[in-house]
Amino acid sequence: MVDSHFVLKVPENLDPAAAAPLLCAGITTWSPLAHWKVGKGHKVGVVGLGGLGHMAVKFAVALGAEVTLFTTSPSKVEDGKRLGAHRVVISKDAKAMEAEANRFDFILDAVSAEHDINAYLALLRQDGHMVLVGLPEKPMSVGAFALVGKRRSLAGSAIGGIQETQEMLDFCGKHNITADIERIRIDEVNEAYERVLRSDVKYRFVIDMATLPKAA
């Protein structure tokens, strides 16, 4: 028996394997976009192109926002555009970053590695919001003037509840959105783990449970 309050309906048009990460990376990025009412006419920045970032790009584009991807890797420019980003900025390029100052209504930071968030706070407009969904190990330093001067806000977000998750799944069904995945066998798990450590996955691994050894 399953408590119906905790049951989710996955739209039939979505591939189950590609829909599986929606319950993690999907809702993690959907929740702040929905909470801060991101939509048509908004200029949105997405920091980092990984499991979370690639979903944030897809959602923000589908919501009607103008989306700019920020990445340290020039090799990810084309993939960012393939996913729907209207613009891609290499964040290691100081001049390119300066050109983006005071431009964005909303920035979603999906990076878990140590990085300078002040560089992105400076890109927000007056009353703009920056939300962290990545979890760097070390505490981050925040310059008060970057927030106070233009009444910017910095917040964090985790996942969402059942109702919000169902709303996200319904949106995905309507817009045919799933995660980009690599399906692997159970005997490939160790190799996949090593690839995750090298950031060598686009963008989520999904284990095919049918490959589990049958009980004797």
N, C-alpha and C. Protein backbone atom coordinates (compact mmCIF):
# COMPACT_ATOMS: atom_id res chain seq x y z
N MET A 1 0.84 -1.19 0.00
CA MET A 1 0.00 0.00 0.00
C MET A 1 0.88 1.26 0.00
N VAL A 2 0.43 2.25 -0.75
CA VAL A 2 1.15 3.51 -0.84
C VAL A 2 0.22 4.65 -0.45
N ASP A 3 0.70 5.54 0.38
CA ASP A 3 -0.08 6.71 0.77
C ASP A 3 -0.23 7.62 -0.45
N SER A 4 -1.46 7.86 -0.86
CA SER A 4 -1.71 8.64 -2.08
C SER A 4 -1.19 10.07 -1.98
N HIS A 5 -0.97 10.56 -0.76
CA HIS A 5 -0.45 11.91 -0.60
C HIS A 5 1.00 12.03 -1.07
N PHE A 6 1.65 10.88 -1.25
CA PHE A 6 3.06 10.89 -1.64
C PHE A 6 3.28 10.23 -3.00
N VAL A 7 2.22 10.17 -3.79
CA VAL A 7 2.31 9.57 -5.13
C VAL A 7 2.35 10.69 -6.17
N LEU A 8 3.23 10.54 -7.14
CA LEU A 8 3.35 11.51 -8.22
C LEU A 8 2.99 10.84 -9.54
N LYS A 9 2.37 11.60 -10.42
CA LYS A 9 2.02 11.09 -11.75
C LYS A 9 2.99 11.65 -12.77
N VAL A 10 3.73 10.75 -13.42
CA VAL A 10 4.66 11.16 -14.47
C VAL A 10 3.91 11.17 -15.80
N PRO A 11 3.89 12.28 -16.51
CA PRO A 11 3.18 12.34 -17.79
C PRO A 11 3.61 11.21 -18.73
N GLU A 12 2.64 10.64 -19.43
CA GLU A 12 2.90 9.47 -20.27
C GLU A 12 3.83 9.76 -21.44
N ASN A 13 3.90 11.02 -21.86
CA ASN A 13 4.75 11.33 -23.01
C ASN A 13 6.23 11.45 -22.66
N LEU A 14 6.57 11.35 -21.37
CA LEU A 14 7.97 11.46 -20.96
C LEU A 14 8.60 10.08 -20.81
N ASP A 15 9.82 9.94 -21.33
CA ASP A 15 10.58 8.70 -21.15
C ASP A 15 10.87 8.51 -19.67
N PRO A 16 10.46 7.38 -19.07
CA PRO A 16 10.65 7.19 -17.62
C PRO A 16 12.09 7.35 -17.16
N ALA A 17 13.05 6.86 -17.94
CA ALA A 17 14.45 6.97 -17.54
C ALA A 17 14.90 8.43 -17.52
N ALA A 18 14.54 9.17 -18.54
CA ALA A 18 14.94 10.58 -18.63
C ALA A 18 14.14 11.45 -17.66
N ALA A 19 12.98 10.95 -17.23
CA ALA A 19 12.16 11.70 -16.27
C ALA A 19 12.62 11.48 -14.83
N ALA A 20 13.33 10.38 -14.57
CA ALA A 20 13.75 10.06 -13.20
C ALA A 20 14.51 11.20 -12.53
N PRO A 21 15.50 11.82 -13.18
CA PRO A 21 16.24 12.91 -12.52
C PRO A 21 15.41 14.16 -12.26
N LEU A 22 14.21 14.23 -12.83
CA LEU A 22 13.36 15.39 -12.57
C LEU A 22 13.00 15.46 -11.09
N LEU A 23 13.00 14.31 -10.41
CA LEU A 23 12.63 14.28 -9.00
C LEU A 23 13.78 14.74 -8.10
N CYS A 24 14.91 15.05 -8.69
CA CYS A 24 16.04 15.61 -7.93
C CYS A 24 16.50 16.91 -8.59
N ALA A 25 17.26 16.79 -9.67
CA ALA A 25 17.77 17.99 -10.35
C ALA A 25 16.63 18.85 -10.87
N GLY A 26 15.55 18.20 -11.29
CA GLY A 26 14.41 18.93 -11.83
C GLY A 26 13.75 19.83 -10.80
N ILE A 27 13.30 19.24 -9.71
CA ILE A 27 12.57 20.02 -8.71
C ILE A 27 13.50 21.00 -7.99
N THR A 28 14.78 20.65 -7.86
CA THR A 28 15.74 21.55 -7.21
C THR A 28 15.86 22.87 -7.96
N THR A 29 15.82 22.81 -9.27
CA THR A 29 15.94 24.04 -10.07
C THR A 29 14.59 24.67 -10.37
N TRP A 30 13.55 23.86 -10.47
CA TRP A 30 12.21 24.39 -10.73
C TRP A 30 11.71 25.22 -9.55
N SER A 31 11.92 24.73 -8.33
CA SER A 31 11.35 25.37 -7.15
C SER A 31 11.71 26.85 -7.03
N PRO A 32 12.99 27.24 -7.13
CA PRO A 32 13.29 28.68 -7.03
C PRO A 32 12.76 29.48 -8.21
N LEU A 33 12.76 28.89 -9.40
CA LEU A 33 12.22 29.61 -10.56
C LEU A 33 10.74 29.89 -10.37
N ALA A 34 10.03 28.92 -9.81
CA ALA A 34 8.60 29.09 -9.56
C ALA A 34 8.35 30.06 -8.40
N HIS A 35 9.13 29.91 -7.34
CA HIS A 35 8.94 30.75 -6.15
C HIS A 35 9.15 32.22 -6.46
N TRP A 36 10.18 32.52 -7.25
CA TRP A 36 10.46 33.92 -7.59
C TRP A 36 9.76 34.35 -8.89
N LYS A 37 8.85 33.50 -9.33
CA LYS A 37 7.96 33.83 -10.46
C LYS A 37 8.72 34.28 -11.71
N VAL A 38 9.73 33.52 -12.06
CA VAL A 38 10.48 33.79 -13.28
C VAL A 38 9.60 33.53 -14.49
N GLY A 39 9.62 34.43 -15.45
CA GLY A 39 8.76 34.25 -16.62
C GLY A 39 9.15 35.15 -17.78
N LYS A 40 8.20 35.35 -18.65
CA LYS A 40 8.42 36.12 -19.87
C LYS A 40 8.90 37.53 -19.55
N GLY A 41 9.93 37.96 -20.26
CA GLY A 41 10.46 39.30 -20.08
C GLY A 41 11.60 39.39 -19.08
N HIS A 42 11.80 38.33 -18.30
CA HIS A 42 12.88 38.35 -17.31
C HIS A 42 14.21 37.97 -17.96
N LYS A 43 15.26 38.59 -17.49
CA LYS A 43 16.61 38.21 -17.90
C LYS A 43 17.19 37.34 -16.79
N VAL A 44 17.47 36.09 -17.14
CA VAL A 44 17.89 35.09 -16.16
C VAL A 44 19.30 34.60 -16.47
N GLY A 45 20.11 34.50 -15.43
CA GLY A 45 21.44 33.92 -15.56
C GLY A 45 21.48 32.57 -14.87
N VAL A 46 22.12 31.60 -15.49
CA VAL A 46 22.34 30.28 -14.89
C VAL A 46 23.84 30.08 -14.79
N VAL A 47 24.31 29.84 -13.57
CA VAL A 47 25.74 29.66 -13.33
C VAL A 47 26.06 28.18 -13.23
N GLY A 48 26.83 27.67 -14.18
CA GLY A 48 27.25 26.28 -14.16
C GLY A 48 26.38 25.40 -15.04
N LEU A 49 27.02 24.56 -15.84
CA LEU A 49 26.29 23.64 -16.71
C LEU A 49 26.62 22.21 -16.34
N GLY A 50 25.85 21.69 -15.39
CA GLY A 50 25.96 20.30 -14.97
C GLY A 50 24.57 19.72 -14.84
N GLY A 51 24.41 18.77 -13.92
CA GLY A 51 23.11 18.15 -13.74
C GLY A 51 22.02 19.14 -13.36
N LEU A 52 22.34 20.07 -12.46
CA LEU A 52 21.37 21.10 -12.08
C LEU A 52 21.27 22.20 -13.13
N GLY A 53 22.41 22.69 -13.56
CA GLY A 53 22.41 23.81 -14.50
C GLY A 53 21.70 23.53 -15.80
N HIS A 54 21.85 22.32 -16.32
CA HIS A 54 21.21 22.03 -17.61
C HIS A 54 19.70 22.00 -17.49
N MET A 55 19.18 21.60 -16.30
CA MET A 55 17.74 21.65 -16.09
C MET A 55 17.27 23.09 -15.90
N ALA A 56 18.07 23.90 -15.22
CA ALA A 56 17.71 25.31 -15.01
C ALA A 56 17.58 26.03 -16.34
N VAL A 57 18.50 25.75 -17.26
CA VAL A 57 18.43 26.37 -18.59
C VAL A 57 17.15 25.97 -19.29
N LYS A 58 16.84 24.68 -19.29
CA LYS A 58 15.63 24.20 -19.98
C LYS A 58 14.37 24.83 -19.39
N PHE A 59 14.27 24.86 -18.07
CA PHE A 59 13.08 25.41 -17.43
C PHE A 59 12.94 26.91 -17.69
N ALA A 60 14.02 27.66 -17.50
CA ALA A 60 13.94 29.11 -17.66
C ALA A 60 13.57 29.50 -19.08
N VAL A 61 14.10 28.78 -20.06
CA VAL A 61 13.75 29.04 -21.46
C VAL A 61 12.28 28.75 -21.69
N ALA A 62 11.81 27.61 -21.18
CA ALA A 62 10.40 27.22 -21.37
C ALA A 62 9.45 28.19 -20.67
N LEU A 63 9.91 28.84 -19.61
CA LEU A 63 9.10 29.82 -18.89
C LEU A 63 9.05 31.17 -19.61
N GLY A 64 9.85 31.31 -20.66
CA GLY A 64 9.80 32.52 -21.46
C GLY A 64 10.88 33.54 -21.16
N ALA A 65 11.82 33.19 -20.29
CA ALA A 65 12.88 34.14 -19.93
C ALA A 65 13.97 34.19 -21.00
N GLU A 66 14.71 35.28 -20.99
CA GLU A 66 15.93 35.37 -21.80
C GLU A 66 17.06 34.82 -20.94
N VAL A 67 17.67 33.74 -21.39
CA VAL A 67 18.59 32.98 -20.53
C VAL A 67 20.04 33.12 -20.99
N THR A 68 20.89 33.46 -20.02
CA THR A 68 22.33 33.52 -20.26
C THR A 68 23.00 32.48 -19.37
N LEU A 69 23.80 31.62 -19.98
CA LEU A 69 24.55 30.62 -19.24
C LEU A 69 25.95 31.16 -18.94
N PHE A 70 26.39 30.98 -17.69
CA PHE A 70 27.75 31.32 -17.31
C PHE A 70 28.52 30.04 -17.02
N THR A 71 29.63 29.86 -17.70
CA THR A 71 30.45 28.67 -17.51
C THR A 71 31.92 29.04 -17.59
N THR A 72 32.74 28.27 -16.89
CA THR A 72 34.19 28.48 -16.97
C THR A 72 34.79 27.74 -18.15
N SER A 73 33.99 26.87 -18.78
CA SER A 73 34.51 25.97 -19.82
C SER A 73 34.06 26.37 -21.22
N PRO A 74 34.96 26.85 -22.06
CA PRO A 74 34.60 27.17 -23.45
C PRO A 74 34.03 25.96 -24.19
N SER A 75 34.40 24.75 -23.75
CA SER A 75 33.91 23.54 -24.41
C SER A 75 32.41 23.33 -24.20
N LYS A 76 31.81 24.07 -23.26
CA LYS A 76 30.39 23.90 -22.97
C LYS A 76 29.51 24.93 -23.68
N VAL A 77 30.11 25.81 -24.45
CA VAL A 77 29.34 26.86 -25.11
C VAL A 77 28.30 26.28 -26.05
N GLU A 78 28.69 25.39 -26.92
CA GLU A 78 27.76 24.83 -27.90
C GLU A 78 26.67 24.01 -27.23
N ASP A 79 27.03 23.27 -26.18
CA ASP A 79 26.01 22.47 -25.49
C ASP A 79 25.01 23.38 -24.79
N GLY A 80 25.49 24.48 -24.23
CA GLY A 80 24.58 25.42 -23.60
C GLY A 80 23.56 25.97 -24.59
N LYS A 81 24.02 26.28 -25.79
CA LYS A 81 23.11 26.78 -26.82
C LYS A 81 22.16 25.68 -27.29
N ARG A 82 22.66 24.45 -27.36
CA ARG A 82 21.79 23.33 -27.76
C ARG A 82 20.65 23.15 -26.76
N LEU A 83 20.94 23.40 -25.49
CA LEU A 83 19.92 23.24 -24.45
C LEU A 83 18.93 24.40 -24.44
N GLY A 84 19.24 25.47 -25.17
CA GLY A 84 18.30 26.57 -25.28
C GLY A 84 18.79 27.92 -24.80
N ALA A 85 19.97 27.98 -24.19
CA ALA A 85 20.48 29.27 -23.71
C ALA A 85 20.61 30.24 -24.87
N HIS A 86 20.14 31.45 -24.66
CA HIS A 86 20.21 32.47 -25.71
C HIS A 86 21.62 33.04 -25.83
N ARG A 87 22.33 33.05 -24.72
CA ARG A 87 23.69 33.60 -24.70
C ARG A 87 24.53 32.75 -23.76
N VAL A 88 25.83 32.67 -24.03
CA VAL A 88 26.76 31.96 -23.14
C VAL A 88 27.95 32.88 -22.88
N VAL A 89 28.28 33.06 -21.60
CA VAL A 89 29.39 33.92 -21.21
C VAL A 89 30.43 33.07 -20.49
N ILE A 90 31.69 33.21 -20.89
CA ILE A 90 32.78 32.52 -20.20
C ILE A 90 33.14 33.35 -18.97
N SER A 91 32.88 32.79 -17.81
CA SER A 91 33.00 33.58 -16.57
C SER A 91 34.44 33.90 -16.19
N LYS A 92 35.41 33.24 -16.81
CA LYS A 92 36.82 33.56 -16.55
C LYS A 92 37.29 34.78 -17.34
N ASP A 93 36.45 35.25 -18.24
CA ASP A 93 36.76 36.42 -19.06
C ASP A 93 36.28 37.68 -18.32
N ALA A 94 37.20 38.39 -17.69
CA ALA A 94 36.84 39.55 -16.86
C ALA A 94 36.07 40.61 -17.63
N LYS A 95 36.48 40.91 -18.86
CA LYS A 95 35.80 41.93 -19.65
C LYS A 95 34.38 41.49 -20.01
N ALA A 96 34.22 40.21 -20.32
CA ALA A 96 32.89 39.70 -20.65
C ALA A 96 31.97 39.79 -19.45
N MET A 97 32.50 39.54 -18.26
CA MET A 97 31.70 39.63 -17.05
C MET A 97 31.33 41.08 -16.74
N GLU A 98 32.26 41.98 -16.92
CA GLU A 98 31.99 43.41 -16.68
C GLU A 98 30.87 43.91 -17.58
N ALA A 99 30.81 43.38 -18.79
CA ALA A 99 29.79 43.82 -19.75
C ALA A 99 28.39 43.38 -19.34
N GLU A 100 28.30 42.42 -18.40
CA GLU A 100 26.99 41.92 -17.96
C GLU A 100 26.49 42.60 -16.69
N ALA A 101 27.20 43.57 -16.17
CA ALA A 101 26.85 44.22 -14.91
C ALA A 101 25.46 44.85 -14.96
N ASN A 102 24.73 44.71 -13.84
CA ASN A 102 23.41 45.33 -13.66
C ASN A 102 22.40 44.91 -14.72
N ARG A 103 22.46 43.69 -15.17
CA ARG A 103 21.63 43.24 -16.29
C ARG A 103 20.50 42.29 -15.89
N PHE A 104 20.71 41.48 -14.86
CA PHE A 104 19.82 40.34 -14.63
C PHE A 104 18.78 40.56 -13.52
N ASP A 105 17.60 40.04 -13.79
CA ASP A 105 16.53 40.05 -12.79
C ASP A 105 16.72 38.91 -11.79
N PHE A 106 17.28 37.80 -12.28
CA PHE A 106 17.36 36.58 -11.46
C PHE A 106 18.57 35.77 -11.91
N ILE A 107 19.34 35.29 -10.95
CA ILE A 107 20.47 34.41 -11.26
C ILE A 107 20.36 33.16 -10.40
N LEU A 108 20.45 32.00 -11.04
CA LEU A 108 20.43 30.72 -10.33
C LEU A 108 21.85 30.15 -10.38
N ASP A 109 22.44 29.98 -9.21
CA ASP A 109 23.82 29.49 -9.11
C ASP A 109 23.78 28.00 -8.76
N ALA A 110 24.20 27.17 -9.72
CA ALA A 110 24.14 25.71 -9.54
C ALA A 110 25.52 25.09 -9.35
N VAL A 111 26.50 25.89 -8.97
CA VAL A 111 27.88 25.41 -8.85
C VAL A 111 28.17 24.95 -7.42
N SER A 112 28.72 23.75 -7.29
CA SER A 112 29.08 23.23 -5.97
C SER A 112 30.56 23.41 -5.66
N ALA A 113 31.36 23.75 -6.66
CA ALA A 113 32.78 24.01 -6.43
C ALA A 113 32.95 25.41 -5.84
N GLU A 114 34.08 25.63 -5.19
CA GLU A 114 34.36 26.94 -4.61
C GLU A 114 34.46 28.00 -5.71
N HIS A 115 33.76 29.11 -5.55
CA HIS A 115 33.81 30.19 -6.53
C HIS A 115 33.37 31.50 -5.88
N ASP A 116 33.63 32.60 -6.55
CA ASP A 116 33.33 33.93 -6.02
C ASP A 116 31.93 34.36 -6.43
N ILE A 117 30.99 34.32 -5.49
CA ILE A 117 29.62 34.69 -5.84
C ILE A 117 29.46 36.20 -5.99
N ASN A 118 30.39 36.98 -5.45
CA ASN A 118 30.30 38.44 -5.60
C ASN A 118 30.38 38.87 -7.06
N ALA A 119 31.10 38.08 -7.85
CA ALA A 119 31.20 38.40 -9.28
C ALA A 119 29.85 38.33 -9.96
N TYR A 120 28.96 37.48 -9.42
CA TYR A 120 27.63 37.33 -10.01
C TYR A 120 26.62 38.28 -9.38
N LEU A 121 26.79 38.59 -8.10
CA LEU A 121 25.90 39.57 -7.47
C LEU A 121 25.97 40.90 -8.20
N ALA A 122 27.14 41.24 -8.71
CA ALA A 122 27.32 42.50 -9.42
C ALA A 122 26.57 42.53 -10.75
N LEU A 123 26.10 41.38 -11.19
CA LEU A 123 25.39 41.32 -12.46
C LEU A 123 23.89 41.55 -12.30
N LEU A 124 23.42 41.57 -11.04
CA LEU A 124 21.99 41.76 -10.79
C LEU A 124 21.56 43.22 -10.96
N ARG A 125 20.34 43.39 -11.43
CA ARG A 125 19.74 44.72 -11.49
C ARG A 125 19.31 45.16 -10.09
N GLN A 126 18.80 46.36 -10.00
CA GLN A 126 18.15 46.82 -8.78
C GLN A 126 17.05 45.84 -8.41
N ASP A 127 17.01 45.41 -7.15
CA ASP A 127 16.00 44.48 -6.63
C ASP A 127 16.11 43.08 -7.25
N GLY A 128 17.25 42.76 -7.85
CA GLY A 128 17.43 41.43 -8.43
C GLY A 128 17.67 40.37 -7.36
N HIS A 129 17.46 39.12 -7.74
CA HIS A 129 17.61 38.00 -6.81
C HIS A 129 18.64 37.00 -7.34
N MET A 130 19.49 36.53 -6.44
CA MET A 130 20.40 35.44 -6.76
C MET A 130 20.12 34.31 -5.79
N VAL A 131 19.95 33.10 -6.33
CA VAL A 131 19.59 31.95 -5.51
C VAL A 131 20.62 30.84 -5.69
N LEU A 132 21.09 30.31 -4.57
CA LEU A 132 22.07 29.23 -4.59
C LEU A 132 21.36 27.88 -4.47
N VAL A 133 21.69 26.97 -5.36
CA VAL A 133 21.23 25.58 -5.23
C VAL A 133 22.42 24.62 -5.17
N GLY A 134 23.61 25.12 -5.54
CA GLY A 134 24.82 24.33 -5.38
C GLY A 134 25.28 24.41 -3.93
N LEU A 135 26.11 23.46 -3.52
CA LEU A 135 26.54 23.39 -2.12
C LEU A 135 28.06 23.28 -2.01
N PRO A 136 28.78 24.38 -2.16
CA PRO A 136 30.23 24.35 -1.96
C PRO A 136 30.57 23.93 -0.53
N GLU A 137 31.68 23.23 -0.37
CA GLU A 137 32.06 22.72 0.94
C GLU A 137 32.46 23.84 1.90
N LYS A 138 33.15 24.86 1.40
CA LYS A 138 33.66 25.92 2.27
C LYS A 138 32.71 27.11 2.30
N PRO A 139 32.67 27.83 3.44
CA PRO A 139 31.84 29.05 3.52
C PRO A 139 32.27 30.06 2.47
N MET A 140 31.31 30.84 1.99
CA MET A 140 31.59 31.84 0.97
C MET A 140 31.51 33.24 1.56
N SER A 141 32.39 34.11 1.09
CA SER A 141 32.41 35.50 1.54
C SER A 141 31.50 36.34 0.65
N VAL A 142 30.66 37.16 1.29
CA VAL A 142 29.73 38.01 0.54
C VAL A 142 29.99 39.47 0.89
N GLY A 143 30.23 40.29 -0.14
CA GLY A 143 30.43 41.71 0.09
C GLY A 143 29.11 42.42 0.32
N ALA A 144 28.97 43.06 1.47
CA ALA A 144 27.70 43.71 1.81
C ALA A 144 27.31 44.79 0.81
N PHE A 145 28.27 45.52 0.30
CA PHE A 145 27.96 46.61 -0.63
C PHE A 145 27.31 46.10 -1.91
N ALA A 146 27.67 44.88 -2.32
CA ALA A 146 27.08 44.31 -3.53
C ALA A 146 25.59 44.09 -3.36
N LEU A 147 25.16 43.87 -2.11
CA LEU A 147 23.73 43.65 -1.83
C LEU A 147 23.02 44.96 -1.51
N VAL A 148 23.61 45.73 -0.62
CA VAL A 148 22.94 46.92 -0.10
C VAL A 148 22.75 48.00 -1.16
N GLY A 149 23.75 48.20 -1.98
CA GLY A 149 23.72 49.30 -2.93
C GLY A 149 22.54 49.31 -3.87
N LYS A 150 22.12 48.15 -4.31
CA LYS A 150 21.00 48.08 -5.25
C LYS A 150 19.85 47.21 -4.72
N ARG A 151 19.81 47.03 -3.41
CA ARG A 151 18.74 46.27 -2.76
C ARG A 151 18.60 44.87 -3.39
N ARG A 152 19.75 44.28 -3.69
CA ARG A 152 19.76 42.93 -4.23
C ARG A 152 19.55 41.93 -3.09
N SER A 153 19.13 40.73 -3.43
CA SER A 153 18.95 39.71 -2.41
C SER A 153 19.67 38.42 -2.80
N LEU A 154 20.17 37.73 -1.78
CA LEU A 154 20.85 36.45 -1.96
C LEU A 154 20.11 35.42 -1.13
N ALA A 155 19.72 34.32 -1.74
CA ALA A 155 18.94 33.31 -1.04
C ALA A 155 19.42 31.92 -1.44
N GLY A 156 18.89 30.92 -0.75
CA GLY A 156 19.18 29.53 -1.08
C GLY A 156 17.88 28.77 -1.26
N SER A 157 17.96 27.63 -1.92
CA SER A 157 16.76 26.82 -2.14
C SER A 157 17.17 25.35 -2.22
N ALA A 158 16.34 24.49 -1.65
CA ALA A 158 16.61 23.05 -1.70
C ALA A 158 15.69 22.42 -2.74
N ILE A 159 14.86 21.47 -2.31
CA ILE A 159 13.94 20.86 -3.26
C ILE A 159 12.54 21.43 -3.03
N GLY A 160 11.50 20.72 -3.43
CA GLY A 160 10.14 21.20 -3.25
C GLY A 160 9.26 20.11 -2.67
N GLY A 161 8.05 20.48 -2.28
CA GLY A 161 7.10 19.52 -1.74
C GLY A 161 6.42 18.72 -2.84
N ILE A 162 5.50 17.86 -2.44
CA ILE A 162 4.80 16.99 -3.38
C ILE A 162 3.99 17.81 -4.39
N GLN A 163 3.24 18.80 -3.92
CA GLN A 163 2.41 19.59 -4.84
C GLN A 163 3.27 20.31 -5.87
N GLU A 164 4.35 20.92 -5.41
CA GLU A 164 5.22 21.65 -6.33
C GLU A 164 5.91 20.70 -7.31
N THR A 165 6.25 19.50 -6.82
CA THR A 165 6.89 18.51 -7.69
C THR A 165 5.92 18.05 -8.78
N GLN A 166 4.65 17.88 -8.42
CA GLN A 166 3.66 17.49 -9.43
C GLN A 166 3.46 18.61 -10.45
N GLU A 167 3.45 19.85 -9.97
CA GLU A 167 3.33 20.98 -10.90
C GLU A 167 4.51 21.00 -11.87
N MET A 168 5.70 20.69 -11.36
CA MET A 168 6.88 20.63 -12.21
C MET A 168 6.75 19.52 -13.25
N LEU A 169 6.29 18.34 -12.83
CA LEU A 169 6.12 17.22 -13.76
C LEU A 169 5.08 17.55 -14.83
N ASP A 170 3.99 18.19 -14.43
CA ASP A 170 2.96 18.58 -15.40
C ASP A 170 3.53 19.57 -16.42
N PHE A 171 4.34 20.51 -15.94
CA PHE A 171 4.98 21.48 -16.84
C PHE A 171 5.91 20.76 -17.81
N CYS A 172 6.64 19.79 -17.30
CA CYS A 172 7.55 19.01 -18.15
C CYS A 172 6.77 18.24 -19.21
N GLY A 173 5.63 17.69 -18.82
CA GLY A 173 4.81 16.97 -19.79
C GLY A 173 4.29 17.89 -20.87
N LYS A 174 3.87 19.09 -20.48
CA LYS A 174 3.34 20.06 -21.44
C LYS A 174 4.41 20.53 -22.41
N HIS A 175 5.64 20.69 -21.92
CA HIS A 175 6.73 21.24 -22.74
C HIS A 175 7.73 20.17 -23.19
N ASN A 176 7.42 18.92 -22.90
CA ASN A 176 8.27 17.79 -23.30
C ASN A 176 9.71 17.97 -22.80
N ILE A 177 9.83 18.24 -21.50
CA ILE A 177 11.14 18.46 -20.89
C ILE A 177 11.55 17.25 -20.07
N THR A 178 12.74 16.75 -20.31
CA THR A 178 13.34 15.70 -19.48
C THR A 178 14.81 16.05 -19.27
N ALA A 179 15.47 15.26 -18.45
CA ALA A 179 16.91 15.44 -18.24
C ALA A 179 17.68 14.78 -19.38
N ASP A 180 18.85 15.31 -19.67
CA ASP A 180 19.77 14.63 -20.59
C ASP A 180 20.49 13.56 -19.78
N ILE A 181 20.40 12.31 -20.20
CA ILE A 181 20.91 11.21 -19.38
C ILE A 181 21.82 10.28 -20.16
N GLU A 182 22.57 9.49 -19.41
CA GLU A 182 23.27 8.32 -19.92
C GLU A 182 22.75 7.13 -19.13
N ARG A 183 22.16 6.18 -19.82
CA ARG A 183 21.65 4.98 -19.15
C ARG A 183 22.80 3.98 -18.99
N ILE A 184 22.98 3.47 -17.78
CA ILE A 184 24.08 2.54 -17.53
C ILE A 184 23.57 1.25 -16.90
N ARG A 185 24.38 0.19 -17.04
CA ARG A 185 24.09 -1.09 -16.40
C ARG A 185 24.59 -1.06 -14.96
N ILE A 186 24.09 -1.96 -14.15
CA ILE A 186 24.49 -2.00 -12.75
C ILE A 186 25.99 -2.28 -12.61
N ASP A 187 26.56 -3.03 -13.55
CA ASP A 187 27.99 -3.34 -13.46
C ASP A 187 28.87 -2.17 -13.93
N GLU A 188 28.26 -1.08 -14.34
CA GLU A 188 29.00 0.11 -14.76
C GLU A 188 28.99 1.21 -13.71
N VAL A 189 28.43 0.90 -12.53
CA VAL A 189 28.26 1.92 -11.50
C VAL A 189 29.60 2.49 -11.03
N ASN A 190 30.58 1.64 -10.78
CA ASN A 190 31.87 2.13 -10.29
C ASN A 190 32.54 3.04 -11.31
N GLU A 191 32.48 2.64 -12.57
CA GLU A 191 33.05 3.47 -13.63
C GLU A 191 32.31 4.81 -13.72
N ALA A 192 30.99 4.74 -13.60
CA ALA A 192 30.19 5.97 -13.65
C ALA A 192 30.54 6.91 -12.50
N TYR A 193 30.77 6.33 -11.32
CA TYR A 193 31.15 7.15 -10.16
C TYR A 193 32.45 7.89 -10.42
N GLU A 194 33.43 7.19 -11.00
CA GLU A 194 34.71 7.83 -11.31
C GLU A 194 34.51 8.94 -12.34
N ARG A 195 33.61 8.74 -13.28
CA ARG A 195 33.34 9.77 -14.28
C ARG A 195 32.66 10.98 -13.65
N VAL A 196 31.80 10.75 -12.67
CA VAL A 196 31.16 11.87 -11.97
C VAL A 196 32.23 12.72 -11.29
N LEU A 197 33.21 12.08 -10.67
CA LEU A 197 34.28 12.82 -10.01
C LEU A 197 35.08 13.66 -10.99
N ARG A 198 35.11 13.22 -12.26
CA ARG A 198 35.84 13.97 -13.29
C ARG A 198 34.92 14.93 -14.05
N SER A 199 33.67 15.05 -13.59
CA SER A 199 32.67 15.89 -14.27
C SER A 199 32.48 15.44 -15.72
N ASP A 200 32.53 14.14 -15.93
CA ASP A 200 32.43 13.57 -17.27
C ASP A 200 31.09 12.86 -17.43
N VAL A 201 30.02 13.63 -17.36
CA VAL A 201 28.68 13.07 -17.59
C VAL A 201 27.77 14.16 -18.12
N LYS A 202 26.95 13.83 -19.10
CA LYS A 202 25.96 14.76 -19.65
C LYS A 202 24.60 14.09 -19.60
N TYR A 203 23.75 14.47 -18.60
CA TYR A 203 24.15 15.24 -17.43
C TYR A 203 23.76 14.51 -16.16
N ARG A 204 23.14 13.36 -16.35
CA ARG A 204 22.80 12.48 -15.24
C ARG A 204 22.93 11.02 -15.69
N PHE A 205 23.48 10.19 -14.80
CA PHE A 205 23.47 8.75 -15.04
C PHE A 205 22.17 8.18 -14.50
N VAL A 206 21.59 7.24 -15.22
CA VAL A 206 20.40 6.52 -14.77
C VAL A 206 20.70 5.03 -14.86
N ILE A 207 20.57 4.33 -13.75
CA ILE A 207 20.87 2.90 -13.72
C ILE A 207 19.67 2.10 -14.22
N ASP A 208 19.90 1.23 -15.17
CA ASP A 208 18.87 0.32 -15.68
C ASP A 208 18.74 -0.83 -14.69
N MET A 209 17.71 -0.79 -13.86
CA MET A 209 17.55 -1.79 -12.81
C MET A 209 17.26 -3.18 -13.35
N ALA A 210 16.90 -3.27 -14.62
CA ALA A 210 16.68 -4.58 -15.24
C ALA A 210 17.99 -5.35 -15.39
N THR A 211 19.12 -4.65 -15.22
CA THR A 211 20.42 -5.31 -15.35
C THR A 211 20.92 -5.88 -14.02
N LEU A 212 20.13 -5.74 -12.96
CA LEU A 212 20.50 -6.35 -11.68
C LEU A 212 20.55 -7.87 -11.84
N PRO A 213 21.56 -8.53 -11.26
CA PRO A 213 21.61 -10.00 -11.32
C PRO A 213 20.37 -10.60 -10.67
N LYS A 214 19.84 -11.62 -11.29
CA LYS A 214 18.67 -12.28 -10.74
C LYS A 214 19.07 -13.15 -9.55
N ALA A 215 18.21 -13.17 -8.55
CA ALA A 215 18.48 -13.98 -7.36
C ALA A 215 18.52 -15.46 -7.72
N ALA A 216 19.45 -16.17 -7.11
CA ALA A 216 19.58 -17.61 -7.40
C ALA A 216 18.39 -18.37 -6.83
